[in-house]
């Protein structure tokens, strides 16, 4: 029987352990899978590992049943359990390729460990911006800060894209650049805003959306891998929302500062995942599929921003739900957080 003191956080901790350490052959599932954040995990093994966090030891497989008992327990905690099909087999293959989680921090040493990079193949080009290892490419981008090797390129985010430059004398014909833009290869992209910080934020598997035959090479990277979770990339209907009012149509465009994944991460680390206008929290309503989901709103009016502007994730951004986000942008200049709070409050007051 499954111990009833196993809670949702224990399951999440177990998933994190399994994602890092993998699953032994004898613990793999052949019929059901727990789906979380783009990955598939064996439900019974997840419960077994979760018991380590709840009760101090892994739960023996003969102490409880798989199938209905395990699946129903996980579903009650808000998790999604699916039955294996040909589609899930393909999904499992993709999840095995997801070595890194979008929105998480990694140092180069973390990456060496996860990839089992031999010491003889560490450092070197790993420390100079980009490198190839086995069949994959890796980019370490400094955004808004000079690199520790003297490179100081104007790397920046533009909407959902990253504008990035290669090494000073790089050219489009170099084999290292050709590997980066090869659509048949994976390019893992990490970024940071402080070159003294050993941790980089994983942006995802980049696709070379556009590249320029310059020196240094300039590449525009997009992040549209369907197997990855990109909460900073807003749904199309919110990116340029069309609001219909009495036959008229008004478009609301979300500005680029609200899509910067590094700034977004720091904003949420400070304020949390509740809407700063109405208090809505996605996980409280939608369960596991609402984990880590929220929009962020840029407070500063765009006409006040000059070329030297550097976004302050804590001072300039606030987490908001999509509904409040759309309402904030319904006016130009946008409503303030406090104005929208008053509008909601006044609506409920007797007149």
Foldseek 3Di string as FASTA:
>chain_A
DQDPQQAPVLLVVLVVVCLQPPDDPVQADDWKWWDAQLETHRQLQSSQSSCCVRPNHGDDSVVDDPDPVRQVSVVVNQTDMDTDDPVVVVSNVVNNVCSDAAFDKDFQVNVCVSVVPDPVPPDDVVQVAKDDDDQAIEGEEAAQDAAPVGRDDNWDFAAQKIKDWDDQADFCPDPNNVSLQPPVHWYWYWYDHDNVDRMTGTRATWHFPDWDGDGRIITITHHDDPSGDQLLRDDPCLQWPWDDDPNDTDTFHAHRVQSPSVLQSVLCVPANQAALQPRDQQCVPNNSVRPPHWTKHFADQPVVDDPPDDDDSNPGIHTHHSVVRCQQRPDVVGDHSVRSNVVVVVVPDDD
